[in-house]
N, C-alpha and C. Protein backbone atom coordinates (compact mmCIF):
# COMPACT_ATOMS: atom_id res chain seq x y z
N TRP A 1 0.82 -1.20 0.00
CA TRP A 1 0.00 0.00 0.00
C TRP A 1 0.86 1.26 0.00
N GLN A 2 2.00 1.19 0.72
CA GLN A 2 2.88 2.34 0.76
C GLN A 2 3.49 2.63 -0.61
N GLN A 3 3.84 1.56 -1.32
CA GLN A 3 4.38 1.74 -2.67
C GLN A 3 3.33 2.34 -3.60
N ALA A 4 2.09 1.90 -3.43
CA ALA A 4 1.01 2.45 -4.25
C ALA A 4 0.84 3.95 -3.98
N LEU A 5 0.91 4.35 -2.72
CA LEU A 5 0.80 5.76 -2.37
C LEU A 5 1.97 6.57 -2.91
N ASN A 6 3.18 5.97 -2.87
CA ASN A 6 4.36 6.67 -3.38
C ASN A 6 4.25 6.91 -4.88
N LEU A 7 3.80 5.88 -5.61
CA LEU A 7 3.63 6.02 -7.06
C LEU A 7 2.56 7.06 -7.37
N PHE A 8 1.49 7.03 -6.58
CA PHE A 8 0.41 8.01 -6.77
C PHE A 8 0.94 9.43 -6.57
N ALA A 9 1.80 9.63 -5.57
CA ALA A 9 2.30 10.96 -5.23
C ALA A 9 3.20 11.54 -6.32
N ILE A 10 3.95 10.68 -7.02
CA ILE A 10 4.89 11.20 -8.02
C ILE A 10 4.29 11.31 -9.41
N MET A 11 3.06 10.86 -9.59
CA MET A 11 2.43 10.91 -10.91
C MET A 11 2.37 12.32 -11.50
N PRO A 12 1.95 13.33 -10.73
CA PRO A 12 1.89 14.69 -11.31
C PRO A 12 3.25 15.18 -11.78
N ASN A 13 4.32 14.78 -11.10
CA ASN A 13 5.67 15.19 -11.51
C ASN A 13 6.04 14.62 -12.87
N ALA A 14 5.39 13.50 -13.21
CA ALA A 14 5.65 12.88 -14.51
C ALA A 14 4.60 13.29 -15.54
N CYS A 15 3.83 14.34 -15.19
CA CYS A 15 2.77 14.86 -16.07
C CYS A 15 1.71 13.81 -16.37
N VAL A 16 1.48 12.94 -15.40
CA VAL A 16 0.42 11.93 -15.52
C VAL A 16 -0.60 12.22 -14.43
N MET A 17 -1.78 12.62 -14.82
CA MET A 17 -2.81 12.97 -13.84
C MET A 17 -3.63 11.73 -13.45
N PRO A 18 -3.85 11.53 -12.16
CA PRO A 18 -4.64 10.37 -11.71
C PRO A 18 -6.07 10.44 -12.24
N ASP A 19 -6.58 9.29 -12.67
CA ASP A 19 -7.98 9.22 -13.08
C ASP A 19 -8.71 8.29 -12.11
N ALA A 20 -9.96 7.96 -12.44
CA ALA A 20 -10.76 7.11 -11.55
C ALA A 20 -10.12 5.75 -11.35
N SER A 21 -9.55 5.19 -12.40
CA SER A 21 -8.92 3.87 -12.28
C SER A 21 -7.73 3.93 -11.34
N THR A 22 -6.97 5.01 -11.41
CA THR A 22 -5.82 5.18 -10.53
C THR A 22 -6.26 5.20 -9.07
N TYR A 23 -7.26 6.02 -8.79
CA TYR A 23 -7.76 6.10 -7.42
C TYR A 23 -8.28 4.75 -6.93
N ASN A 24 -9.02 4.06 -7.78
CA ASN A 24 -9.56 2.76 -7.37
C ASN A 24 -8.46 1.76 -7.06
N ALA A 25 -7.38 1.81 -7.81
CA ALA A 25 -6.26 0.89 -7.56
C ALA A 25 -5.61 1.18 -6.21
N VAL A 26 -5.43 2.46 -5.92
CA VAL A 26 -4.83 2.83 -4.63
C VAL A 26 -5.80 2.53 -3.49
N PHE A 27 -7.11 2.75 -3.72
CA PHE A 27 -8.10 2.39 -2.71
C PHE A 27 -7.97 0.91 -2.35
N SER A 28 -7.88 0.07 -3.37
CA SER A 28 -7.80 -1.38 -3.15
C SER A 28 -6.56 -1.74 -2.33
N ALA A 29 -5.45 -1.08 -2.63
CA ALA A 29 -4.21 -1.36 -1.89
C ALA A 29 -4.36 -0.97 -0.43
N CYS A 30 -4.98 0.17 -0.17
CA CYS A 30 -5.18 0.62 1.21
C CYS A 30 -6.15 -0.28 1.96
N LEU A 31 -7.23 -0.63 1.30
CA LEU A 31 -8.24 -1.46 1.94
C LEU A 31 -7.73 -2.86 2.26
N ALA A 32 -6.85 -3.38 1.41
CA ALA A 32 -6.32 -4.73 1.61
C ALA A 32 -5.61 -4.86 2.96
N LEU A 33 -5.03 -3.76 3.44
CA LEU A 33 -4.31 -3.77 4.72
C LEU A 33 -5.04 -2.95 5.79
N GLY A 34 -6.28 -2.61 5.52
CA GLY A 34 -7.07 -1.91 6.51
C GLY A 34 -6.65 -0.48 6.78
N LYS A 35 -6.06 0.17 5.78
CA LYS A 35 -5.60 1.55 5.95
C LYS A 35 -6.74 2.52 5.61
N TRP A 36 -7.74 2.52 6.46
CA TRP A 36 -8.95 3.29 6.21
C TRP A 36 -8.68 4.80 6.20
N GLU A 37 -7.84 5.26 7.13
CA GLU A 37 -7.58 6.69 7.21
C GLU A 37 -6.91 7.20 5.94
N SER A 38 -5.95 6.42 5.43
CA SER A 38 -5.27 6.82 4.19
C SER A 38 -6.25 6.82 3.02
N MET A 39 -7.15 5.84 2.99
CA MET A 39 -8.10 5.76 1.90
C MET A 39 -9.06 6.95 1.92
N MET A 40 -9.55 7.32 3.12
CA MET A 40 -10.48 8.43 3.20
C MET A 40 -9.81 9.76 2.86
N GLN A 41 -8.52 9.89 3.15
CA GLN A 41 -7.79 11.08 2.74
C GLN A 41 -7.72 11.15 1.21
N LEU A 42 -7.55 9.99 0.59
CA LEU A 42 -7.53 9.93 -0.87
C LEU A 42 -8.90 10.30 -1.45
N VAL A 43 -9.96 9.85 -0.81
CA VAL A 43 -11.31 10.19 -1.27
C VAL A 43 -11.49 11.70 -1.24
N ASP A 44 -11.05 12.33 -0.16
CA ASP A 44 -11.15 13.80 -0.08
C ASP A 44 -10.36 14.46 -1.20
N THR A 45 -9.16 13.95 -1.46
CA THR A 45 -8.33 14.51 -2.52
C THR A 45 -9.01 14.36 -3.88
N MET A 46 -9.60 13.20 -4.12
CA MET A 46 -10.28 12.94 -5.38
C MET A 46 -11.45 13.91 -5.59
N LEU A 47 -12.26 14.09 -4.55
CA LEU A 47 -13.43 14.96 -4.67
C LEU A 47 -13.02 16.42 -4.80
N GLU A 48 -11.95 16.82 -4.10
CA GLU A 48 -11.48 18.19 -4.21
C GLU A 48 -10.96 18.51 -5.61
N SER A 49 -10.47 17.48 -6.30
CA SER A 49 -9.97 17.68 -7.66
C SER A 49 -11.10 17.74 -8.69
N GLY A 50 -12.33 17.49 -8.22
CA GLY A 50 -13.47 17.53 -9.12
C GLY A 50 -13.75 16.21 -9.80
N LEU A 51 -13.05 15.17 -9.39
CA LEU A 51 -13.23 13.85 -9.99
C LEU A 51 -14.15 13.02 -9.10
N ASP A 52 -15.27 12.61 -9.65
CA ASP A 52 -16.20 11.76 -8.92
C ASP A 52 -16.66 10.65 -9.85
N ASP A 53 -16.13 9.47 -9.64
CA ASP A 53 -16.47 8.33 -10.49
C ASP A 53 -17.74 7.63 -10.03
N PHE A 54 -18.45 8.26 -9.08
CA PHE A 54 -19.63 7.62 -8.52
C PHE A 54 -20.91 8.31 -8.95
N LEU A 55 -20.85 9.06 -10.06
CA LEU A 55 -22.03 9.80 -10.51
C LEU A 55 -23.06 8.91 -11.16
N ASP A 56 -22.69 7.72 -11.54
CA ASP A 56 -23.65 6.81 -12.15
C ASP A 56 -23.38 5.40 -11.64
N SER A 57 -24.29 4.52 -11.89
CA SER A 57 -24.16 3.16 -11.41
C SER A 57 -24.57 2.19 -12.51
N GLY A 58 -23.75 1.16 -12.70
CA GLY A 58 -24.06 0.16 -13.71
C GLY A 58 -24.93 -0.96 -13.16
N TYR A 59 -25.17 -0.94 -11.84
CA TYR A 59 -25.95 -2.01 -11.23
C TYR A 59 -27.45 -1.71 -11.33
N ASP A 60 -28.21 -2.72 -11.72
CA ASP A 60 -29.67 -2.60 -11.78
C ASP A 60 -30.26 -3.72 -10.94
N HIS A 61 -30.98 -3.35 -9.90
CA HIS A 61 -31.52 -4.35 -8.97
C HIS A 61 -32.62 -5.19 -9.59
N MET A 62 -33.05 -4.86 -10.79
CA MET A 62 -34.11 -5.61 -11.45
C MET A 62 -33.84 -7.11 -11.44
N SER A 63 -32.59 -7.50 -11.65
CA SER A 63 -32.25 -8.93 -11.73
C SER A 63 -32.35 -9.63 -10.39
N GLN A 64 -32.39 -8.87 -9.29
CA GLN A 64 -32.47 -9.47 -7.95
C GLN A 64 -33.80 -9.20 -7.26
N ALA A 65 -34.69 -8.49 -7.92
CA ALA A 65 -35.96 -8.12 -7.29
C ALA A 65 -36.76 -9.36 -6.89
N GLY A 66 -37.21 -9.37 -5.65
CA GLY A 66 -38.03 -10.47 -5.15
C GLY A 66 -37.25 -11.71 -4.78
N SER A 67 -35.93 -11.61 -4.74
CA SER A 67 -35.09 -12.76 -4.38
C SER A 67 -35.24 -13.09 -2.90
N VAL A 68 -34.63 -14.18 -2.47
CA VAL A 68 -34.67 -14.57 -1.07
C VAL A 68 -34.12 -13.46 -0.18
N LEU A 69 -32.99 -12.88 -0.60
CA LEU A 69 -32.39 -11.80 0.17
C LEU A 69 -33.32 -10.59 0.24
N ASP A 70 -33.96 -10.27 -0.89
CA ASP A 70 -34.90 -9.15 -0.91
C ASP A 70 -36.03 -9.39 0.09
N CYS A 71 -36.59 -10.57 0.06
CA CYS A 71 -37.71 -10.89 0.97
C CYS A 71 -37.27 -10.74 2.43
N PHE A 72 -36.10 -11.23 2.75
CA PHE A 72 -35.61 -11.16 4.13
C PHE A 72 -35.45 -9.71 4.58
N ARG A 73 -34.76 -8.91 3.76
CA ARG A 73 -34.50 -7.54 4.21
C ARG A 73 -35.76 -6.67 4.16
N HIS A 74 -36.68 -6.98 3.26
CA HIS A 74 -37.90 -6.17 3.20
C HIS A 74 -38.88 -6.52 4.32
N VAL A 75 -38.94 -7.79 4.71
CA VAL A 75 -39.74 -8.15 5.88
C VAL A 75 -39.13 -7.48 7.12
N THR A 76 -37.81 -7.47 7.20
CA THR A 76 -37.14 -6.81 8.32
C THR A 76 -37.45 -5.31 8.32
N LEU A 77 -37.45 -4.69 7.14
CA LEU A 77 -37.78 -3.28 7.03
C LEU A 77 -39.20 -3.01 7.52
N VAL A 78 -40.14 -3.84 7.10
CA VAL A 78 -41.53 -3.67 7.53
C VAL A 78 -41.63 -3.80 9.05
N TRP A 79 -40.94 -4.77 9.61
CA TRP A 79 -40.95 -4.96 11.06
C TRP A 79 -40.42 -3.72 11.78
N LEU A 80 -39.30 -3.17 11.27
CA LEU A 80 -38.73 -1.97 11.88
C LEU A 80 -39.68 -0.78 11.78
N LEU A 81 -40.32 -0.63 10.62
CA LEU A 81 -41.25 0.48 10.43
C LEU A 81 -42.48 0.33 11.33
N GLN A 82 -42.98 -0.88 11.46
CA GLN A 82 -44.12 -1.11 12.34
C GLN A 82 -43.78 -0.75 13.78
N ARG A 83 -42.60 -1.11 14.20
CA ARG A 83 -42.15 -0.78 15.55
C ARG A 83 -41.96 0.73 15.72
N ALA A 84 -41.35 1.35 14.70
CA ALA A 84 -41.02 2.78 14.79
C ALA A 84 -42.28 3.64 14.88
N ILE A 85 -43.26 3.37 14.03
CA ILE A 85 -44.46 4.22 14.04
C ILE A 85 -45.34 3.95 15.25
N ALA A 86 -45.16 2.78 15.85
CA ALA A 86 -45.94 2.48 17.05
C ALA A 86 -45.54 3.39 18.21
N GLY A 87 -44.31 3.89 18.15
CA GLY A 87 -43.84 4.77 19.21
C GLY A 87 -44.42 6.17 19.15
N GLY A 88 -44.93 6.57 17.99
CA GLY A 88 -45.59 7.86 17.86
C GLY A 88 -44.69 9.00 17.44
N ALA A 89 -43.41 8.94 17.75
CA ALA A 89 -42.51 10.05 17.42
C ALA A 89 -42.23 10.09 15.92
N PRO A 90 -42.03 11.30 15.35
CA PRO A 90 -41.70 11.42 13.93
C PRO A 90 -40.39 10.71 13.62
N LEU A 91 -40.26 10.21 12.40
CA LEU A 91 -39.04 9.53 12.01
C LEU A 91 -38.62 10.00 10.62
N THR A 92 -37.36 9.81 10.32
CA THR A 92 -36.82 10.11 8.99
C THR A 92 -36.28 8.83 8.39
N TYR A 93 -36.79 8.46 7.24
CA TYR A 93 -36.34 7.28 6.51
C TYR A 93 -35.35 7.72 5.45
N VAL A 94 -34.18 7.10 5.42
CA VAL A 94 -33.15 7.42 4.43
C VAL A 94 -32.77 6.15 3.69
N ASP A 95 -32.78 6.22 2.35
CA ASP A 95 -32.39 5.09 1.52
C ASP A 95 -31.22 5.54 0.64
N THR A 96 -30.04 4.97 0.86
CA THR A 96 -28.84 5.42 0.16
C THR A 96 -28.72 4.87 -1.26
N HIS A 97 -29.41 3.76 -1.54
CA HIS A 97 -29.36 3.15 -2.88
C HIS A 97 -30.78 2.72 -3.24
N ALA A 98 -31.57 3.67 -3.68
CA ALA A 98 -33.02 3.46 -3.76
C ALA A 98 -33.48 2.57 -4.91
N GLY A 99 -32.77 2.59 -6.04
CA GLY A 99 -33.18 1.77 -7.17
C GLY A 99 -34.39 2.34 -7.91
N ARG A 100 -35.14 1.47 -8.56
CA ARG A 100 -36.26 1.90 -9.40
C ARG A 100 -37.55 2.13 -8.62
N GLY A 101 -37.66 1.57 -7.43
CA GLY A 101 -38.88 1.75 -6.64
C GLY A 101 -39.86 0.61 -6.79
N ILE A 102 -40.30 0.35 -8.01
CA ILE A 102 -41.22 -0.75 -8.30
C ILE A 102 -40.63 -1.56 -9.45
N TYR A 103 -40.69 -2.88 -9.32
CA TYR A 103 -40.09 -3.77 -10.33
C TYR A 103 -41.13 -4.71 -10.92
N ASP A 104 -41.18 -4.77 -12.23
CA ASP A 104 -42.11 -5.65 -12.93
C ASP A 104 -41.45 -7.03 -13.06
N LEU A 105 -41.99 -8.01 -12.37
CA LEU A 105 -41.39 -9.34 -12.38
C LEU A 105 -41.59 -10.09 -13.69
N LYS A 106 -42.38 -9.50 -14.60
CA LYS A 106 -42.51 -10.09 -15.93
C LYS A 106 -41.59 -9.43 -16.95
N SER A 107 -40.82 -8.47 -16.51
CA SER A 107 -39.91 -7.78 -17.43
C SER A 107 -38.73 -8.68 -17.79
N ASP A 108 -38.08 -8.35 -18.89
CA ASP A 108 -36.93 -9.15 -19.34
C ASP A 108 -35.82 -9.17 -18.28
N GLY A 109 -35.60 -8.03 -17.64
CA GLY A 109 -34.55 -7.96 -16.63
C GLY A 109 -34.79 -8.88 -15.45
N ALA A 110 -36.04 -8.98 -15.00
CA ALA A 110 -36.38 -9.85 -13.87
C ALA A 110 -36.39 -11.31 -14.29
N MET A 111 -36.87 -11.57 -15.51
CA MET A 111 -36.98 -12.95 -15.98
C MET A 111 -35.62 -13.54 -16.34
N GLN A 112 -34.64 -12.70 -16.62
CA GLN A 112 -33.34 -13.18 -17.06
C GLN A 112 -32.72 -14.16 -16.06
N ARG A 113 -32.79 -13.83 -14.78
CA ARG A 113 -32.24 -14.71 -13.75
C ARG A 113 -33.33 -15.40 -12.94
N GLY A 114 -34.49 -14.80 -12.89
CA GLY A 114 -35.63 -15.43 -12.23
C GLY A 114 -35.43 -15.69 -10.74
N THR A 115 -34.67 -14.81 -10.06
CA THR A 115 -34.39 -15.06 -8.65
C THR A 115 -35.64 -14.96 -7.78
N PHE A 116 -36.68 -14.28 -8.28
CA PHE A 116 -37.92 -14.15 -7.51
C PHE A 116 -38.61 -15.49 -7.34
N ALA A 117 -38.29 -16.47 -8.19
CA ALA A 117 -38.93 -17.79 -8.11
C ALA A 117 -38.62 -18.49 -6.79
N TYR A 118 -37.47 -18.16 -6.20
CA TYR A 118 -37.07 -18.79 -4.94
C TYR A 118 -37.37 -17.90 -3.74
N GLY A 119 -37.87 -16.70 -4.00
CA GLY A 119 -38.15 -15.77 -2.92
C GLY A 119 -39.62 -15.46 -2.80
N ILE A 120 -40.05 -14.34 -3.44
CA ILE A 120 -41.42 -13.89 -3.27
C ILE A 120 -42.44 -14.85 -3.88
N GLU A 121 -42.06 -15.56 -4.93
CA GLU A 121 -43.00 -16.53 -5.51
C GLU A 121 -43.38 -17.59 -4.48
N GLN A 122 -42.40 -18.11 -3.76
CA GLN A 122 -42.69 -19.15 -2.78
C GLN A 122 -43.47 -18.59 -1.59
N MET A 123 -43.12 -17.37 -1.18
CA MET A 123 -43.85 -16.78 -0.07
C MET A 123 -45.31 -16.50 -0.44
N ALA A 124 -45.52 -16.01 -1.66
CA ALA A 124 -46.88 -15.68 -2.10
C ALA A 124 -47.76 -16.91 -2.21
N CYS A 125 -47.15 -18.06 -2.46
CA CYS A 125 -47.92 -19.29 -2.67
C CYS A 125 -48.12 -20.07 -1.38
N ALA A 126 -47.50 -19.65 -0.30
CA ALA A 126 -47.59 -20.40 0.96
C ALA A 126 -48.32 -19.56 1.99
N ALA A 127 -49.59 -19.92 2.22
CA ALA A 127 -50.40 -19.16 3.19
C ALA A 127 -49.81 -19.20 4.59
N SER A 128 -49.09 -20.27 4.90
CA SER A 128 -48.52 -20.43 6.24
C SER A 128 -47.45 -19.40 6.56
N TRP A 129 -46.98 -18.68 5.52
CA TRP A 129 -45.96 -17.65 5.77
C TRP A 129 -46.53 -16.47 6.55
N SER A 130 -47.83 -16.26 6.45
CA SER A 130 -48.43 -15.09 7.09
C SER A 130 -48.64 -15.36 8.58
N ILE A 131 -47.55 -15.51 9.29
CA ILE A 131 -47.62 -15.89 10.70
C ILE A 131 -47.17 -14.77 11.63
N THR A 132 -46.68 -13.68 11.08
CA THR A 132 -46.27 -12.54 11.89
C THR A 132 -46.84 -11.27 11.25
N PRO A 133 -47.04 -10.22 12.04
CA PRO A 133 -47.55 -8.96 11.47
C PRO A 133 -46.64 -8.40 10.38
N ALA A 134 -45.33 -8.59 10.51
CA ALA A 134 -44.40 -8.06 9.51
C ALA A 134 -44.56 -8.78 8.18
N ILE A 135 -44.64 -10.09 8.21
CA ILE A 135 -44.79 -10.86 6.98
C ILE A 135 -46.16 -10.61 6.36
N THR A 136 -47.18 -10.57 7.20
CA THR A 136 -48.52 -10.30 6.69
C THR A 136 -48.58 -8.93 6.03
N GLY A 137 -48.02 -7.92 6.69
CA GLY A 137 -48.03 -6.57 6.13
C GLY A 137 -47.24 -6.47 4.84
N TYR A 138 -46.14 -7.18 4.80
CA TYR A 138 -45.28 -7.20 3.61
C TYR A 138 -46.02 -7.78 2.42
N LEU A 139 -46.65 -8.95 2.58
CA LEU A 139 -47.36 -9.59 1.48
C LEU A 139 -48.59 -8.79 1.07
N GLU A 140 -49.30 -8.22 2.04
CA GLU A 140 -50.47 -7.42 1.70
C GLU A 140 -50.09 -6.18 0.91
N ALA A 141 -48.95 -5.58 1.24
CA ALA A 141 -48.49 -4.40 0.51
C ALA A 141 -48.18 -4.75 -0.94
N LEU A 142 -47.54 -5.90 -1.17
CA LEU A 142 -47.21 -6.31 -2.53
C LEU A 142 -48.46 -6.63 -3.33
N ARG A 143 -49.42 -7.27 -2.70
CA ARG A 143 -50.65 -7.61 -3.40
C ARG A 143 -51.48 -6.36 -3.71
N ARG A 144 -51.42 -5.41 -2.80
CA ARG A 144 -52.20 -4.19 -2.97
C ARG A 144 -51.73 -3.38 -4.16
N ILE A 145 -50.43 -3.42 -4.47
CA ILE A 145 -49.92 -2.65 -5.59
C ILE A 145 -50.50 -3.15 -6.90
N ASP A 146 -50.92 -4.40 -6.95
CA ASP A 146 -51.56 -4.94 -8.14
C ASP A 146 -53.07 -4.82 -8.09
N GLY A 147 -53.59 -4.14 -7.07
CA GLY A 147 -55.03 -3.89 -6.99
C GLY A 147 -55.83 -4.99 -6.34
N ASP A 148 -55.16 -5.97 -5.72
CA ASP A 148 -55.89 -7.06 -5.09
C ASP A 148 -56.04 -6.75 -3.60
N GLU A 149 -57.01 -5.92 -3.26
CA GLU A 149 -57.18 -5.48 -1.88
C GLU A 149 -57.53 -6.61 -0.93
N ALA A 150 -58.13 -7.67 -1.47
CA ALA A 150 -58.54 -8.77 -0.60
C ALA A 150 -57.42 -9.75 -0.34
N GLY A 151 -56.30 -9.59 -1.04
CA GLY A 151 -55.21 -10.54 -0.89
C GLY A 151 -55.27 -11.57 -1.98
N ALA A 152 -54.09 -12.01 -2.44
CA ALA A 152 -54.02 -12.98 -3.52
C ALA A 152 -54.48 -14.34 -3.04
N THR A 153 -55.28 -15.01 -3.84
CA THR A 153 -55.73 -16.35 -3.49
C THR A 153 -55.18 -17.38 -4.44
N SER A 154 -54.61 -16.94 -5.55
CA SER A 154 -54.10 -17.87 -6.55
C SER A 154 -52.73 -18.38 -6.14
N ASN A 155 -52.41 -19.61 -6.53
CA ASN A 155 -51.08 -20.16 -6.29
C ASN A 155 -50.13 -19.82 -7.41
N SER A 156 -50.57 -18.99 -8.35
CA SER A 156 -49.71 -18.58 -9.45
C SER A 156 -48.64 -17.62 -8.95
N ALA A 157 -47.41 -17.82 -9.46
CA ALA A 157 -46.33 -16.94 -9.07
C ALA A 157 -46.64 -15.51 -9.45
N MET A 158 -47.38 -15.33 -10.52
CA MET A 158 -47.64 -13.98 -11.00
C MET A 158 -48.80 -13.32 -10.28
N SER A 159 -49.30 -13.95 -9.16
CA SER A 159 -50.28 -13.24 -8.35
C SER A 159 -49.64 -11.98 -7.78
N ILE A 160 -48.32 -11.94 -7.71
CA ILE A 160 -47.58 -10.72 -7.40
C ILE A 160 -46.67 -10.45 -8.59
N ARG A 161 -47.05 -9.47 -9.38
CA ARG A 161 -46.26 -9.13 -10.56
C ARG A 161 -45.35 -7.94 -10.30
N HIS A 162 -45.87 -6.94 -9.61
CA HIS A 162 -45.10 -5.73 -9.36
C HIS A 162 -44.52 -5.78 -7.95
N TYR A 163 -43.21 -5.78 -7.88
CA TYR A 163 -42.52 -5.93 -6.60
C TYR A 163 -42.05 -4.58 -6.09
N LEU A 164 -42.38 -4.28 -4.83
CA LEU A 164 -42.00 -3.00 -4.24
C LEU A 164 -40.58 -3.04 -3.69
N GLY A 165 -39.76 -2.09 -4.14
CA GLY A 165 -38.44 -1.92 -3.56
C GLY A 165 -38.56 -1.20 -2.22
N SER A 166 -37.43 -1.05 -1.53
CA SER A 166 -37.44 -0.48 -0.18
C SER A 166 -38.11 0.88 -0.07
N PRO A 167 -37.81 1.86 -0.93
CA PRO A 167 -38.42 3.18 -0.75
C PRO A 167 -39.94 3.18 -0.90
N CYS A 168 -40.45 2.44 -1.88
CA CYS A 168 -41.91 2.38 -2.08
C CYS A 168 -42.58 1.58 -0.98
N LEU A 169 -41.89 0.57 -0.47
CA LEU A 169 -42.42 -0.21 0.65
C LEU A 169 -42.49 0.66 1.90
N ALA A 170 -41.41 1.39 2.17
CA ALA A 170 -41.38 2.26 3.35
C ALA A 170 -42.42 3.35 3.26
N GLN A 171 -42.66 3.86 2.07
CA GLN A 171 -43.61 4.95 1.88
C GLN A 171 -45.01 4.58 2.38
N LEU A 172 -45.35 3.31 2.31
CA LEU A 172 -46.68 2.87 2.72
C LEU A 172 -46.89 2.98 4.23
N TRP A 173 -45.79 2.97 4.99
CA TRP A 173 -45.91 3.03 6.45
C TRP A 173 -45.66 4.43 7.02
N LEU A 174 -45.06 5.30 6.23
CA LEU A 174 -44.73 6.62 6.74
C LEU A 174 -45.99 7.47 6.92
N ARG A 175 -45.96 8.30 7.95
CA ARG A 175 -47.11 9.15 8.29
C ARG A 175 -46.83 10.60 7.87
N PRO A 176 -47.82 11.47 7.91
CA PRO A 176 -47.61 12.86 7.50
C PRO A 176 -46.49 13.56 8.27
N GLN A 177 -46.28 13.20 9.53
CA GLN A 177 -45.24 13.84 10.32
C GLN A 177 -43.84 13.28 10.06
N ASP A 178 -43.75 12.22 9.26
CA ASP A 178 -42.47 11.60 8.95
C ASP A 178 -41.83 12.21 7.71
N ARG A 179 -40.56 11.91 7.52
CA ARG A 179 -39.84 12.42 6.36
C ARG A 179 -39.09 11.27 5.70
N ALA A 180 -38.95 11.33 4.39
CA ALA A 180 -38.19 10.32 3.65
C ALA A 180 -37.25 11.01 2.68
N VAL A 181 -36.01 10.57 2.67
CA VAL A 181 -35.00 11.07 1.74
C VAL A 181 -34.34 9.87 1.08
N VAL A 182 -34.39 9.81 -0.26
CA VAL A 182 -33.83 8.66 -0.96
C VAL A 182 -32.85 9.12 -2.03
N PHE A 183 -31.80 8.34 -2.24
CA PHE A 183 -30.75 8.67 -3.20
C PHE A 183 -30.69 7.62 -4.31
N GLU A 184 -30.48 8.07 -5.53
CA GLU A 184 -30.24 7.17 -6.66
C GLU A 184 -29.39 7.91 -7.69
N MET A 185 -28.26 7.31 -8.06
CA MET A 185 -27.32 7.98 -8.97
C MET A 185 -27.65 7.80 -10.44
N SER A 186 -28.18 6.63 -10.80
CA SER A 186 -28.45 6.33 -12.20
C SER A 186 -29.59 7.21 -12.72
N GLY A 187 -29.36 7.87 -13.85
CA GLY A 187 -30.38 8.74 -14.42
C GLY A 187 -31.65 7.99 -14.78
N VAL A 188 -31.51 6.83 -15.40
CA VAL A 188 -32.68 6.04 -15.80
C VAL A 188 -33.45 5.56 -14.58
N MET A 189 -32.74 5.04 -13.59
CA MET A 189 -33.41 4.54 -12.40
C MET A 189 -33.99 5.66 -11.55
N TYR A 190 -33.33 6.81 -11.55
CA TYR A 190 -33.84 7.98 -10.85
C TYR A 190 -35.20 8.40 -11.41
N THR A 191 -35.32 8.39 -12.73
CA THR A 191 -36.59 8.73 -13.38
C THR A 191 -37.67 7.73 -13.02
N ASP A 192 -37.33 6.44 -13.08
CA ASP A 192 -38.30 5.40 -12.72
C ASP A 192 -38.70 5.51 -11.25
N LEU A 193 -37.74 5.83 -10.41
CA LEU A 193 -38.00 5.94 -8.98
C LEU A 193 -39.00 7.05 -8.69
N LYS A 194 -38.81 8.22 -9.31
CA LYS A 194 -39.74 9.33 -9.09
C LYS A 194 -41.14 8.95 -9.54
N HIS A 195 -41.23 8.26 -10.66
CA HIS A 195 -42.54 7.82 -11.17
C HIS A 195 -43.17 6.82 -10.21
N SER A 196 -42.38 5.89 -9.70
CA SER A 196 -42.91 4.86 -8.79
C SER A 196 -43.44 5.47 -7.51
N LEU A 197 -42.68 6.41 -6.94
CA LEU A 197 -43.11 7.04 -5.70
C LEU A 197 -44.35 7.91 -5.90
N ALA A 198 -44.42 8.59 -7.04
CA ALA A 198 -45.60 9.42 -7.33
C ALA A 198 -46.83 8.56 -7.57
N ARG A 199 -46.60 7.37 -8.11
CA ARG A 199 -47.71 6.46 -8.41
C ARG A 199 -48.46 6.06 -7.15
N GLN A 200 -47.75 5.93 -6.04
CA GLN A 200 -48.40 5.49 -4.80
C GLN A 200 -49.13 6.63 -4.10
N ARG A 201 -48.64 7.87 -4.28
CA ARG A 201 -49.31 9.05 -3.74
C ARG A 201 -49.54 8.96 -2.23
N HIS A 202 -48.53 8.51 -1.53
CA HIS A 202 -48.61 8.51 -0.07
C HIS A 202 -47.78 9.70 0.44
N VAL A 203 -47.00 9.51 1.46
CA VAL A 203 -46.18 10.60 2.00
C VAL A 203 -45.17 11.05 0.95
N ALA A 204 -45.00 12.38 0.85
CA ALA A 204 -44.03 12.93 -0.10
C ALA A 204 -42.62 12.50 0.27
N VAL A 205 -41.80 12.26 -0.74
CA VAL A 205 -40.44 11.78 -0.54
C VAL A 205 -39.49 12.70 -1.30
N ASP A 206 -38.38 13.08 -0.65
CA ASP A 206 -37.33 13.84 -1.32
C ASP A 206 -36.45 12.87 -2.09
N VAL A 207 -36.48 12.96 -3.41
CA VAL A 207 -35.70 12.06 -4.27
C VAL A 207 -34.51 12.83 -4.83
N LEU A 208 -33.32 12.38 -4.52
CA LEU A 208 -32.11 13.09 -4.90
C LEU A 208 -31.24 12.25 -5.82
N ARG A 209 -30.84 12.84 -6.94
CA ARG A 209 -29.87 12.15 -7.79
C ARG A 209 -28.47 12.63 -7.37
N LYS A 210 -28.01 12.06 -6.28
CA LYS A 210 -26.73 12.42 -5.70
C LYS A 210 -26.05 11.17 -5.15
N ASN A 211 -24.75 11.31 -4.93
CA ASN A 211 -24.00 10.25 -4.29
C ASN A 211 -24.26 10.34 -2.78
N SER A 212 -24.87 9.34 -2.22
CA SER A 212 -25.25 9.39 -0.81
C SER A 212 -24.05 9.33 0.13
N PHE A 213 -22.88 8.93 -0.39
CA PHE A 213 -21.70 8.83 0.47
C PHE A 213 -20.99 10.14 0.69
N TRP A 214 -21.17 11.10 -0.24
CA TRP A 214 -20.43 12.35 -0.10
C TRP A 214 -21.40 13.47 0.21
């Protein structure tokens, strides 16, 4: 890591200006040995130079929407929100990587890997899953987005077609006295996110196309 820092320091003397790849390489060297302080100093230097390689994101959560991991963390989110609003005090919900907001499980992106088949599809088809208020609330929220107010009765995987991401799921539990701030860097996903949140017309959400880390 020290050699990487030394090479980085002499680059300007050789008329070679560091770019995003250079910074990432030095970041990796620092992180490999746990040199967090040195890495964060480099981050400050990078941002002060006007270089920010985090303005966009190539990752699209569409391929993971409704997966086992999604179900676990979203049920946990619902549980936390249920507990939080029960206390009565106002809360602020912050989502650092908001994504598209709502995901169509019949879209090419979702069907490509089909991870929802092992997650939300199985939960939607198993009535015995509705054994806790968090799981019940989670499934009812997903069914409601498709207009099935009574709850899905079909064993078809597509009884839940539109899957709610974290910001849209949280929006359903937030009250007028609460606040929500969500971040998304990708221009395409940012546009979809604003549309998804407006579609639900619940509590207003501040949607920012910014890097949530800086």
